[in-house]
Amino acid sequence: MPSLRSILFRHLVRLGSLSNRADVSIAQLRASMEKGNWFLSLSVPCGTVTEPVSAGGVPAEWVLPPGKRRRGTVLFVHGGAFVMGSPRSHRGLVARIAAAAQLEALAIDYRLAPEHPFPAALEDTLTAYRWLLREHCQASEAVLIGDSAGGNLVLAALLALRAAGEALPAAAVCLSPATALDGKGESLRTHAERDPVLRVETVGPLVAAYVGDHDPTEPLLSPLYADLHGLPPLFLQVGSDEILLSDVIAFAERARQAGVTVELEIWEGMWHVWQIGAPWMPEATHAIQHIGAFIQRQLATQARAA
């Protein structure tokens, strides 16, 4: 049963989120997200250090949690319907995940649509990952994480790396990922009034700006329709009340059928990327703790196999 705090937070999100309104411009959405007005926590845990860096030419930010860190690195790809968001807008979420995993994190500032449609954001994600392996860690010590559109980019990056015969990361984590961009998921309709963050009529045009002239069912745009064999272990979190629920469940099932190790968590009463509610919502804090535990398990498995 959802906590009282989450019930209150849900109402605040519905009132304050611009991404569920059709009367706002991309410029307004971007400004709102950068200010933290979309209930994104810009604050970070005490002792967190952030440092700007160029990841092979892609602007990025190191997020270093306090305390002793384990061996390994998180590459974080932010959400924002491919048209908004940045390391700054997601700094609080990245910092809390990094702290839970006891790892340093690299958050990238990929190019946004509509100025830079597909495949620009994917190319930047791949460039940053390759830089990370070249300059900082081995693939077995890297974990890719993304929320929403960032989850889509993480999955697409895995497919592109596999196709190119390049080293895959130890694991990947996707929070409310957009696994299909064709707008056919059942919960897009059935959950239209339940998700306080996303509405199809608002997000659809934003996603279309990223897709451009491409077929939205192309595997690198809609990983749900891809051949998923050979991917690393995946950890997926999705809320029971969000419009992307059915696509995430379908993706998890197809990945398992392809032999991929998948852990899928469906959080009752939660909505799109509720993890941003940490530290105020217990469900958000607990979800991040689960992410950290998964990452630690996967890196420990890789270390034993080395």
Protein backbone atom coordinates (compact mmCIF):
# COMPACT_ATOMS: atom_id res chain seq x y z
CA MET A 1 0.00 0.00 0.00
CA PRO A 2 1.44 3.43 -0.92
CA SER A 3 2.71 5.50 1.99
CA LEU A 4 0.97 8.68 3.08
CA ARG A 5 3.99 10.64 1.90
CA SER A 6 3.75 9.12 -1.57
CA ILE A 7 0.03 9.95 -1.76
CA LEU A 8 0.79 13.58 -0.93
CA PHE A 9 3.76 13.65 -3.29
CA ARG A 10 1.63 12.21 -6.06
CA HIS A 11 -0.82 15.11 -5.80
CA LEU A 12 2.02 17.63 -5.76
CA VAL A 13 3.54 16.04 -8.86
CA ARG A 14 0.24 16.11 -10.72
CA LEU A 15 -0.19 19.79 -9.89
CA GLY A 16 3.39 20.81 -10.62
CA SER A 17 4.43 18.68 -13.58
CA LEU A 18 4.49 20.45 -16.93
CA SER A 19 5.10 17.21 -18.81
CA ASN A 20 1.44 16.25 -18.43
CA ARG A 21 0.25 19.46 -20.10
CA ALA A 22 -0.11 20.16 -23.80
CA ASP A 23 0.04 23.96 -23.56
CA VAL A 24 3.76 24.34 -22.79
CA SER A 25 6.74 24.71 -25.10
CA ILE A 26 9.93 22.68 -25.11
CA ALA A 27 11.77 25.76 -23.87
CA GLN A 28 9.41 25.96 -20.88
CA LEU A 29 9.82 22.25 -20.16
CA ARG A 30 13.59 22.56 -20.24
CA ALA A 31 13.63 25.57 -17.96
CA SER A 32 11.29 23.89 -15.50
CA MET A 33 13.37 20.73 -15.33
CA GLU A 34 16.63 22.62 -14.84
CA LYS A 35 15.13 24.58 -11.95
CA GLY A 36 13.94 21.41 -10.29
CA ASN A 37 10.31 22.49 -10.65
CA TRP A 38 9.36 19.03 -11.89
CA PHE A 39 9.97 17.76 -8.35
CA LEU A 40 13.42 16.63 -9.33
CA SER A 41 15.68 16.94 -6.33
CA LEU A 42 18.67 19.08 -7.24
CA SER A 43 20.10 18.60 -3.75
CA VAL A 44 22.62 15.84 -3.15
CA PRO A 45 23.61 13.91 -0.01
CA CYS A 46 26.05 15.75 2.22
CA GLY A 47 29.64 15.12 1.15
CA THR A 48 28.86 14.46 -2.52
CA VAL A 49 31.37 15.99 -4.93
CA THR A 50 30.60 16.88 -8.56
CA GLU A 51 33.19 17.62 -11.23
CA PRO A 52 32.68 18.59 -14.90
CA VAL A 53 34.45 16.44 -17.47
CA SER A 54 34.53 15.85 -21.22
CA ALA A 55 33.77 12.20 -21.97
CA GLY A 56 35.34 11.90 -25.39
CA GLY A 57 33.83 15.23 -26.39
CA VAL A 58 30.48 14.65 -24.69
CA PRO A 59 29.89 17.08 -21.80
CA ALA A 60 29.49 15.15 -18.58
CA GLU A 61 29.72 15.34 -14.82
CA TRP A 62 31.39 13.10 -12.29
CA VAL A 63 29.26 12.48 -9.22
CA LEU A 64 31.38 11.17 -6.36
CA PRO A 65 29.49 9.94 -3.29
CA PRO A 66 30.89 10.38 0.22
CA GLY A 67 32.64 7.55 2.01
CA LYS A 68 34.62 4.61 0.74
CA ARG A 69 33.81 3.65 -2.84
CA ARG A 70 33.89 0.22 -4.42
CA ARG A 71 35.66 -0.58 -7.66
CA GLY A 72 33.38 0.21 -10.59
CA THR A 73 31.61 3.06 -12.35
CA VAL A 74 28.02 3.97 -13.15
CA LEU A 75 27.29 5.65 -16.49
CA PHE A 76 24.01 7.51 -16.05
CA VAL A 77 21.84 8.60 -19.00
CA HIS A 78 19.10 11.02 -17.94
CA GLY A 79 15.48 11.05 -19.03
CA GLY A 80 13.36 13.89 -20.33
CA ALA A 81 11.51 12.63 -23.43
CA PHE A 82 14.72 13.11 -25.46
CA VAL A 83 14.15 16.89 -25.48
CA MET A 84 15.07 18.04 -21.97
CA GLY A 85 17.13 17.19 -18.93
CA SER A 86 20.81 17.27 -18.04
CA PRO A 87 23.26 16.05 -15.41
CA ARG A 88 22.16 19.01 -13.30
CA SER A 89 18.46 18.18 -13.43
CA HIS A 90 19.13 14.59 -12.37
CA ARG A 91 22.00 15.27 -9.97
CA GLY A 92 20.04 14.35 -6.86
CA LEU A 93 18.89 11.02 -8.30
CA VAL A 94 22.35 10.17 -9.65
CA ALA A 95 24.01 11.04 -6.34
CA ARG A 96 21.64 8.83 -4.37
CA ILE A 97 22.10 5.90 -6.73
CA ALA A 98 25.87 6.35 -6.59
CA ALA A 99 25.75 6.40 -2.80
CA ALA A 100 23.56 3.28 -2.66
CA ALA A 101 25.94 1.43 -4.98
CA GLN A 102 29.04 2.94 -3.35
CA LEU A 103 30.36 3.84 -6.80
CA GLU A 104 31.37 6.93 -8.69
CA ALA A 105 28.95 7.94 -11.43
CA LEU A 106 29.39 9.67 -14.76
CA ALA A 107 26.26 11.56 -15.87
CA ILE A 108 26.31 12.61 -19.52
CA ASP A 109 24.82 15.69 -21.17
CA TYR A 110 23.82 14.23 -24.53
CA ARG A 111 22.46 16.27 -27.43
CA LEU A 112 18.71 16.87 -27.32
CA ALA A 113 15.94 16.81 -29.89
CA PRO A 114 14.48 18.53 -31.83
CA GLU A 115 17.76 20.28 -32.57
CA HIS A 116 19.50 16.92 -32.65
CA PRO A 117 17.13 14.04 -33.53
CA PHE A 118 17.95 10.32 -33.59
CA PRO A 119 20.62 9.01 -33.53
CA ALA A 120 22.48 11.95 -31.90
CA ALA A 121 21.65 11.05 -28.27
CA LEU A 122 22.52 7.40 -28.86
CA GLU A 123 25.81 8.35 -30.51
CA ASP A 124 26.73 10.50 -27.51
CA THR A 125 25.88 7.66 -25.13
CA LEU A 126 28.13 5.29 -27.06
CA THR A 127 30.93 7.85 -27.25
CA ALA A 128 30.84 8.39 -23.49
CA TYR A 129 30.80 4.64 -22.79
CA ARG A 130 33.76 4.03 -25.07
CA TRP A 131 35.65 6.87 -23.42
CA LEU A 132 34.87 5.41 -20.01
CA LEU A 133 36.36 2.05 -21.00
CA ARG A 134 39.35 3.65 -22.66
CA GLU A 135 40.23 6.04 -19.86
CA HIS A 136 38.72 4.80 -16.65
CA CYS A 137 37.55 1.23 -16.17
CA GLN A 138 36.98 -2.16 -17.74
CA ALA A 139 33.61 -3.17 -19.18
CA SER A 140 33.18 -5.68 -16.35
CA GLU A 141 33.36 -2.76 -13.90
CA ALA A 142 30.81 -0.56 -15.68
CA VAL A 143 27.05 -0.37 -15.16
CA LEU A 144 24.73 1.62 -17.43
CA ILE A 145 21.71 3.29 -15.84
CA GLY A 146 18.96 5.38 -17.41
CA ASP A 147 15.51 6.65 -16.54
CA SER A 148 12.63 7.03 -19.01
CA ALA A 149 14.15 8.19 -22.32
CA GLY A 150 17.54 7.52 -20.76
CA GLY A 151 16.48 3.92 -20.22
CA ASN A 152 15.66 3.72 -23.92
CA LEU A 153 19.14 5.02 -24.75
CA VAL A 154 20.78 2.53 -22.40
CA LEU A 155 18.99 -0.41 -24.03
CA ALA A 156 19.72 0.93 -27.52
CA ALA A 157 23.38 1.34 -26.59
CA LEU A 158 23.56 -2.29 -25.47
CA LEU A 159 22.10 -3.40 -28.80
CA ALA A 160 24.52 -1.21 -30.77
CA LEU A 161 27.53 -2.43 -28.78
CA ARG A 162 26.52 -6.06 -29.20
CA ALA A 163 26.04 -5.59 -32.95
CA ALA A 164 29.49 -4.01 -33.21
CA GLY A 165 31.10 -6.82 -31.22
CA GLU A 166 32.22 -4.43 -28.49
CA ALA A 167 32.52 -5.18 -24.79
CA LEU A 168 29.24 -4.98 -22.91
CA PRO A 169 28.94 -3.59 -19.38
CA ALA A 170 28.51 -5.81 -16.35
CA ALA A 171 24.83 -4.91 -16.12
CA ALA A 172 22.24 -2.27 -16.89
CA VAL A 173 19.50 -0.63 -14.83
CA CYS A 174 16.44 1.02 -16.36
CA LEU A 175 13.92 3.08 -14.41
CA SER A 176 10.55 3.38 -16.15
CA PRO A 177 12.26 2.89 -19.53
CA ALA A 178 10.64 3.81 -22.82
CA THR A 179 11.07 0.44 -24.51
CA ALA A 180 8.86 1.23 -27.53
CA LEU A 181 8.30 4.55 -29.28
CA ASP A 182 5.44 3.52 -31.55
CA GLY A 183 2.71 4.45 -29.08
CA LYS A 184 0.95 1.07 -29.14
CA GLY A 185 1.36 -0.05 -25.54
CA GLU A 186 -1.91 -1.01 -23.85
CA SER A 187 -1.23 0.97 -20.68
CA LEU A 188 -0.79 4.14 -22.71
CA ARG A 189 -4.59 4.07 -22.83
CA THR A 190 -5.61 2.15 -19.72
CA HIS A 191 -3.35 4.16 -17.38
CA ALA A 192 -3.84 7.56 -19.00
CA GLU A 193 -5.56 8.98 -15.92
CA ARG A 194 -3.44 7.15 -13.35
CA ASP A 195 0.04 8.43 -14.23
CA PRO A 196 0.49 11.94 -12.75
CA VAL A 197 3.63 12.64 -14.77
CA LEU A 198 3.09 11.57 -18.38
CA ARG A 199 0.29 12.02 -20.88
CA VAL A 200 0.40 10.54 -24.37
CA GLU A 201 -0.88 13.70 -26.00
CA THR A 202 1.97 15.68 -24.43
CA VAL A 203 4.84 13.23 -24.69
CA GLY A 204 3.93 11.91 -28.16
CA PRO A 205 5.02 15.05 -30.04
CA LEU A 206 8.22 15.25 -27.98
CA VAL A 207 9.16 11.67 -28.83
CA ALA A 208 8.28 12.31 -32.48
CA ALA A 209 10.81 15.15 -32.48
CA TYR A 210 13.49 12.62 -31.56
CA VAL A 211 12.34 9.90 -33.96
CA GLY A 212 12.29 12.31 -36.90
CA ASP A 213 11.93 10.61 -40.28
CA HIS A 214 12.79 7.16 -38.93
CA ASP A 215 10.42 4.26 -38.38
CA PRO A 216 9.66 4.28 -34.63
CA THR A 217 9.72 0.48 -34.58
CA GLU A 218 13.41 0.35 -35.55
CA PRO A 219 15.22 -1.68 -32.86
CA LEU A 220 17.48 1.20 -31.80
CA LEU A 221 14.39 3.33 -31.26
CA SER A 222 12.13 0.62 -29.84
CA PRO A 223 14.26 -2.07 -28.13
CA LEU A 224 11.06 -4.00 -27.42
CA TYR A 225 11.13 -5.16 -31.05
CA ALA A 226 14.84 -6.02 -31.15
CA ASP A 227 16.62 -9.35 -30.98
CA LEU A 228 17.62 -9.24 -27.31
CA HIS A 229 19.94 -12.23 -27.04
CA GLY A 230 23.34 -11.73 -25.47
CA LEU A 231 22.52 -8.68 -23.37
CA PRO A 232 23.97 -8.35 -19.85
CA PRO A 233 21.82 -8.74 -16.73
CA LEU A 234 19.03 -6.16 -16.57
CA PHE A 235 17.28 -4.59 -13.60
CA LEU A 236 13.99 -2.88 -14.44
CA GLN A 237 11.78 -0.82 -12.16
CA VAL A 238 8.35 0.41 -13.21
CA GLY A 239 5.31 1.76 -11.37
CA SER A 240 1.96 0.00 -11.47
CA ASP A 241 0.25 3.28 -12.33
CA GLU A 242 2.38 4.52 -15.22
CA ILE A 243 1.53 4.58 -18.89
CA LEU A 244 4.70 2.69 -19.87
CA LEU A 245 3.88 -0.32 -17.68
CA SER A 246 2.72 -2.72 -20.40
CA ASP A 247 5.70 -2.00 -22.66
CA VAL A 248 8.16 -2.58 -19.81
CA ILE A 249 6.51 -5.87 -18.87
CA ALA A 250 6.52 -6.98 -22.51
CA PHE A 251 10.18 -6.07 -22.86
CA ALA A 252 11.11 -8.03 -19.72
CA GLU A 253 9.27 -11.09 -21.03
CA ARG A 254 10.96 -10.91 -24.44
CA ALA A 255 14.37 -10.44 -22.86
CA ARG A 256 13.87 -13.50 -20.65
CA GLN A 257 12.77 -15.52 -23.66
CA ALA A 258 16.04 -14.49 -25.32
CA GLY A 259 18.00 -15.87 -22.37
CA VAL A 260 18.75 -12.56 -20.67
CA THR A 261 18.81 -12.41 -16.88
CA VAL A 262 16.10 -9.92 -15.94
CA GLU A 263 14.95 -8.64 -12.57
CA LEU A 264 11.67 -6.75 -12.94
CA GLU A 265 10.17 -4.81 -10.05
CA ILE A 266 6.63 -3.44 -10.36
CA TRP A 267 6.01 -0.99 -7.54
CA GLU A 268 2.38 -0.84 -6.47
CA GLY A 269 0.83 2.60 -6.62
CA MET A 270 3.91 4.24 -8.10
CA TRP A 271 4.18 6.34 -11.24
CA HIS A 272 6.74 7.32 -13.87
CA VAL A 273 10.24 7.60 -12.33
CA TRP A 274 8.96 7.94 -8.77
CA GLN A 275 12.55 7.41 -7.61
CA ILE A 276 13.04 11.16 -7.93
CA GLY A 277 10.96 11.44 -4.76
CA ALA A 278 13.93 10.44 -2.59
CA PRO A 279 14.59 11.26 0.16
CA TRP A 280 11.02 12.38 0.92
CA MET A 281 9.16 9.26 -0.24
CA PRO A 282 10.05 5.93 1.41
CA GLU A 283 9.16 4.07 -1.80
CA ALA A 284 11.71 6.14 -3.70
CA THR A 285 14.42 5.59 -1.09
CA HIS A 286 13.76 1.85 -0.96
CA ALA A 287 13.77 1.57 -4.76
CA ILE A 288 17.18 3.23 -4.89
CA GLN A 289 18.43 0.84 -2.21
CA HIS A 290 17.31 -2.06 -4.42
CA ILE A 291 19.21 -0.54 -7.35
CA GLY A 292 22.37 -0.26 -5.28
CA ALA A 293 22.09 -3.85 -4.07
CA PHE A 294 21.60 -5.14 -7.63
CA ILE A 295 24.67 -3.27 -8.86
CA GLN A 296 26.81 -4.57 -6.02
CA ARG A 297 25.68 -8.15 -6.71
CA GLN A 298 26.48 -7.91 -10.41
CA LEU A 299 29.91 -6.35 -9.90
CA ALA A 300 30.73 -8.96 -7.27
CA THR A 301 29.77 -11.70 -9.74
CA GLN A 302 32.00 -10.16 -12.39
CA ALA A 303 34.89 -9.88 -9.91
CA ARG A 304 34.61 -13.55 -8.94
CA ALA A 305 34.59 -14.57 -12.60
CA ALA A 306 37.70 -12.53 -13.43
